[in-house]
C-alpha atoms as a PDB file:
ATOM      1  CA  MET A   1       4.445   7.071 -16.844  1.00  0.00           C
ATOM      2  CA  VAL A   2       0.695   6.803 -17.098  1.00  0.00           C
ATOM      3  CA  LEU A   3      -1.356   4.767 -14.497  1.00  0.00           C
ATOM      4  CA  SER A   4      -4.813   3.852 -14.727  1.00  0.00           C
ATOM      5  CA  ALA A   5      -7.447   4.690 -12.058  1.00  0.00           C
ATOM      6  CA  GLN A   6      -7.376   1.320 -10.429  1.00  0.00           C
ATOM      7  CA  GLU A   7      -3.199   1.752 -10.023  1.00  0.00           C
ATOM      8  CA  VAL A   8      -3.451   5.008  -8.786  1.00  0.00           C
ATOM      9  CA  ALA A   9      -5.938   3.759  -6.090  1.00  0.00           C
ATOM     10  CA  ASP A  10      -3.926   0.825  -5.380  1.00  0.00           C
ATOM     11  CA  LEU A  11      -0.801   2.980  -4.913  1.00  0.00           C
ATOM     12  CA  SER A  12      -2.761   5.305  -2.669  1.00  0.00           C
ATOM     13  CA  ASP A  13      -3.758   2.396  -0.496  1.00  0.00           C
ATOM     14  CA  ARG A  14      -0.001   1.152  -0.223  1.00  0.00           C
ATOM     15  CA  TRP A  15       1.065   4.811   0.881  1.00  0.00           C
ATOM     16  CA  PHE A  16      -1.665   4.957   3.448  1.00  0.00           C
ATOM     17  CA  ALA A  17      -0.619   1.378   4.664  1.00  0.00           C
ATOM     18  CA  ALA A  18       2.792   2.586   5.019  1.00  0.00           C
ATOM     19  CA  ARG A  19       1.885   5.867   6.945  1.00  0.00           C
ATOM     20  CA  CYS A  20      -0.279   3.852   9.244  1.00  0.00           C
ATOM     21  CA  ALA A  21       2.817   1.456   9.884  1.00  0.00           C
ATOM     22  CA  ALA A  22       4.821   4.514  10.717  1.00  0.00           C
ATOM     23  CA  GLU A  23       2.478   6.056  13.259  1.00  0.00           C
ATOM     24  CA  ASP A  24       2.247   2.471  14.823  1.00  0.00           C
ATOM     25  CA  VAL A  25       6.140   2.721  15.246  1.00  0.00           C
ATOM     26  CA  ALA A  26       5.827   6.372  16.557  1.00  0.00           C
ATOM     27  CA  THR A  27       3.130   5.428  18.878  1.00  0.00           C
ATOM     28  CA  ALA A  28       5.184   2.503  20.292  1.00  0.00           C
ATOM     29  CA  VAL A  29       8.372   4.372  20.839  1.00  0.00           C
ATOM     30  CA  ALA A  30       6.472   7.118  22.584  1.00  0.00           C
ATOM     31  CA  GLU A  31       4.907   4.283  24.873  1.00  0.00           C
ATOM     32  CA  GLY A  32       8.286   2.593  25.577  1.00  0.00           C
ATOM     33  CA  ALA A  33       7.612  -0.395  23.630  1.00  0.00           C
ATOM     34  CA  ASP A  34      10.586  -3.083  23.934  1.00  0.00           C
ATOM     35  CA  ALA A  35      12.965  -3.904  21.244  1.00  0.00           C
ATOM     36  CA  ILE A  36      10.969  -7.096  19.965  1.00  0.00           C
ATOM     37  CA  GLU A  37       7.994  -5.061  19.386  1.00  0.00           C
ATOM     38  CA  LEU A  38       9.831  -2.234  17.623  1.00  0.00           C
ATOM     39  CA  THR A  39      11.560  -4.817  15.563  1.00  0.00           C
ATOM     40  CA  GLU A  40       8.565  -6.306  14.478  1.00  0.00           C
ATOM     41  CA  LEU A  41       7.107  -3.031  13.687  1.00  0.00           C
ATOM     42  CA  THR A  42       9.690  -1.520  11.734  1.00  0.00           C
ATOM     43  CA  ALA A  43       9.829  -4.700   9.670  1.00  0.00           C
ATOM     44  CA  THR A  44       6.349  -4.350   8.817  1.00  0.00           C
ATOM     45  CA  LEU A  45       7.046  -0.622   7.969  1.00  0.00           C
ATOM     46  CA  VAL A  46       9.860  -1.761   5.662  1.00  0.00           C
ATOM     47  CA  LYS A  47       7.837  -4.130   3.897  1.00  0.00           C
ATOM     48  CA  LEU A  48       4.799  -1.366   3.460  1.00  0.00           C
ATOM     49  CA  THR A  49       7.220   1.103   1.943  1.00  0.00           C
ATOM     50  CA  ARG A  50       8.891  -1.340  -0.465  1.00  0.00           C
ATOM     51  CA  ASP A  51       5.498  -2.212  -1.764  1.00  0.00           C
ATOM     52  CA  ALA A  52       4.635   1.311  -1.907  1.00  0.00           C
ATOM     53  CA  GLU A  53       7.468   2.024  -4.280  1.00  0.00           C
ATOM     54  CA  ARG A  54       6.191  -0.449  -6.668  1.00  0.00           C
ATOM     55  CA  LEU A  55       4.311   1.447  -9.236  1.00  0.00           C
ATOM     56  CA  ARG A  56       2.817  -1.503 -10.953  1.00  0.00           C
END
């Protein structure tokens, strides 16, 4: 599969957003966040990782 420069940049941006969301989850866990906050953060993480899987 060949990706254009723009597609590579977009993919990189999606993976960066997913990594940031994962760090948010880790921070929330470390700070003792409640179940509601963790549910919201993990839903965001799942959405962003699904988006990151999309190559085009």
